[in-house]
């Protein structure tokens, strides 16, 4: 099990002013923020990040959505980070997310589910490296 995971607070959650409350929940759950920045993804950067989904029918909409406004990208550290964070954020579909989870509290819909969380230690490392250089991690 790894000790980092990657998250993005998605455009609609940033626009709604929920970033602070989401970050508070993350820290209250024992995660340490190793790196964080607010960025507006270009179509090219969003496309590269979601390249794994390129052949799926939702790819174009996903890229467009993630370019729709600024996101907050962060690397989080904690023992068993990936699994613990996935528990904290809840099910992808907010109507199925457990009470008290980030998605139950802040997601608008299945498509606009407030946050991204890495699904494996390997992807956590890949996603963290995509968004942050080693000099941006503390």
Protein backbone atom coordinates (compact mmCIF):
# COMPACT_ATOMS: atom_id res chain seq x y z
CA UNK A 1 0.00 0.00 0.00
CA UNK A 2 1.24 3.45 -0.89
CA UNK A 3 1.26 6.57 1.17
CA UNK A 4 0.18 9.11 -1.47
CA UNK A 5 -2.89 9.68 -3.57
CA UNK A 6 -3.88 12.35 -6.05
CA UNK A 7 -7.06 14.40 -6.08
CA UNK A 8 -8.63 17.17 -8.07
CA UNK A 9 -11.45 19.32 -6.81
CA UNK A 10 -13.46 19.59 -10.01
CA UNK A 11 -14.62 22.79 -11.75
CA UNK A 12 -18.19 22.86 -10.43
CA UNK A 13 -17.09 22.35 -6.81
CA UNK A 14 -14.49 25.12 -7.14
CA UNK A 15 -17.05 27.43 -8.75
CA UNK A 16 -19.59 26.68 -6.00
CA UNK A 17 -17.07 27.77 -3.36
CA UNK A 18 -16.74 24.30 -1.82
CA UNK A 19 -12.95 23.98 -2.06
CA UNK A 20 -12.26 25.09 1.50
CA UNK A 21 -14.87 22.78 3.02
CA UNK A 22 -13.58 19.85 0.93
CA UNK A 23 -9.97 20.54 1.93
CA UNK A 24 -11.05 20.77 5.58
CA UNK A 25 -12.67 17.33 5.35
CA UNK A 26 -9.51 15.94 3.75
CA UNK A 27 -7.27 17.31 6.50
CA UNK A 28 -9.71 16.29 9.25
CA UNK A 29 -9.48 12.72 7.90
CA UNK A 30 -5.74 12.74 8.60
CA UNK A 31 -4.37 13.48 5.13
CA UNK A 32 -1.38 15.79 4.78
CA UNK A 33 -1.36 18.01 1.70
CA UNK A 34 2.03 17.45 0.04
CA UNK A 35 1.37 19.69 -2.99
CA UNK A 36 -1.54 21.82 -4.12
CA UNK A 37 -2.33 24.33 -6.86
CA UNK A 38 -5.27 25.92 -8.59
CA UNK A 39 -5.07 25.65 -12.36
CA UNK A 40 -7.29 25.99 -15.40
CA UNK A 41 -6.60 22.93 -17.54
CA UNK A 42 -6.21 23.50 -21.24
CA UNK A 43 -7.98 21.12 -23.59
CA UNK A 44 -4.59 19.58 -24.40
CA UNK A 45 -3.67 18.99 -20.72
CA UNK A 46 -7.10 17.60 -19.85
CA UNK A 47 -6.96 15.36 -22.92
CA UNK A 48 -3.55 14.05 -21.92
CA UNK A 49 -4.65 13.43 -18.33
CA UNK A 50 -7.72 11.45 -19.47
CA UNK A 51 -5.94 9.76 -22.40
CA UNK A 52 -6.77 6.35 -20.91
CA UNK A 53 -10.44 7.07 -21.72
CA UNK A 54 -9.80 8.31 -25.28
CA UNK A 55 -11.72 5.47 -26.94
CA UNK A 56 -14.74 5.78 -24.64
CA UNK A 57 -17.83 7.68 -25.79
CA UNK A 58 -17.70 10.13 -22.87
CA UNK A 59 -14.10 11.24 -23.48
CA UNK A 60 -14.91 14.46 -25.37
CA UNK A 61 -17.49 15.56 -22.80
CA UNK A 62 -15.11 14.74 -19.95
CA UNK A 63 -12.30 16.81 -21.44
CA UNK A 64 -14.66 19.72 -22.14
CA UNK A 65 -16.05 19.55 -18.60
CA UNK A 66 -12.60 19.52 -16.99
CA UNK A 67 -11.64 22.60 -19.04
CA UNK A 68 -14.80 24.42 -17.97
CA UNK A 69 -13.18 26.21 -15.05
CA UNK A 70 -10.29 26.03 -12.63
CA UNK A 71 -9.58 22.89 -10.62
CA UNK A 72 -7.55 22.39 -7.48
CA UNK A 73 -5.00 19.61 -7.88
CA UNK A 74 -3.38 18.08 -4.81
CA UNK A 75 -1.15 15.26 -3.68
CA UNK A 76 -2.24 13.83 -0.36
CA UNK A 77 -0.19 11.73 2.03
CA UNK A 78 -1.38 9.21 4.58
CA UNK A 79 -0.80 5.53 5.26
CA UNK A 80 -3.07 3.54 2.92
CA UNK A 81 -3.81 6.81 1.10
CA UNK A 82 -5.60 5.54 -2.01
CA UNK A 83 -8.10 3.30 -0.22
CA UNK A 84 -8.68 5.69 2.65
CA UNK A 85 -9.28 8.58 0.26
CA UNK A 86 -11.67 6.57 -1.89
CA UNK A 87 -13.63 5.79 1.27
CA UNK A 88 -13.65 9.50 2.20
CA UNK A 89 -14.90 10.65 -1.20
CA UNK A 90 -17.62 8.00 -1.51
CA UNK A 91 -19.18 6.31 -4.51
CA UNK A 92 -18.84 7.93 -7.93
CA UNK A 93 -22.61 8.27 -8.07
CA UNK A 94 -23.45 10.67 -5.24
CA UNK A 95 -26.88 9.08 -4.76
CA UNK A 96 -25.00 5.91 -3.75
CA UNK A 97 -22.33 7.67 -1.67
CA UNK A 98 -22.37 7.05 2.07
CA UNK A 99 -23.53 9.86 4.33
CA UNK A 100 -20.69 12.13 5.38
CA UNK A 101 -18.57 11.45 2.31
CA UNK A 102 -17.36 14.29 0.12
CA UNK A 103 -19.49 13.24 -2.85
CA UNK A 104 -22.63 12.78 -0.72
CA UNK A 105 -22.14 16.30 0.57
CA UNK A 106 -20.81 18.23 -2.44
CA UNK A 107 -21.45 16.36 -5.72
CA UNK A 108 -24.13 17.61 -8.08
CA UNK A 109 -24.52 14.44 -10.16
CA UNK A 110 -22.76 11.33 -11.44
CA UNK A 111 -20.95 13.45 -14.05
CA UNK A 112 -20.30 16.40 -11.72
CA UNK A 113 -19.12 14.46 -8.69
CA UNK A 114 -16.99 17.18 -7.05
CA UNK A 115 -13.65 15.35 -6.74
CA UNK A 116 -11.33 12.94 -8.48
CA UNK A 117 -9.43 10.34 -6.49
CA UNK A 118 -6.76 7.96 -7.76
CA UNK A 119 -7.94 4.37 -8.09
CA UNK A 120 -4.60 2.65 -7.45
CA UNK A 121 -1.15 3.31 -6.03
CA UNK A 122 0.28 3.15 -9.56
CA UNK A 123 -2.20 5.72 -10.90
CA UNK A 124 -1.67 7.94 -7.85
CA UNK A 125 2.00 8.17 -8.74
CA UNK A 126 1.31 8.76 -12.46
CA UNK A 127 -1.32 11.42 -11.76
CA UNK A 128 0.82 13.17 -9.13
CA UNK A 129 3.76 13.26 -11.56
CA UNK A 130 1.50 14.62 -14.32
CA UNK A 131 0.53 17.66 -12.25
CA UNK A 132 3.53 18.29 -9.99
CA UNK A 133 7.29 18.40 -10.30
CA UNK A 134 9.38 17.16 -7.38
CA UNK A 135 10.21 20.77 -6.47
CA UNK A 136 6.51 21.49 -5.92
CA UNK A 137 6.13 18.81 -3.22
CA UNK A 138 6.68 19.56 0.44
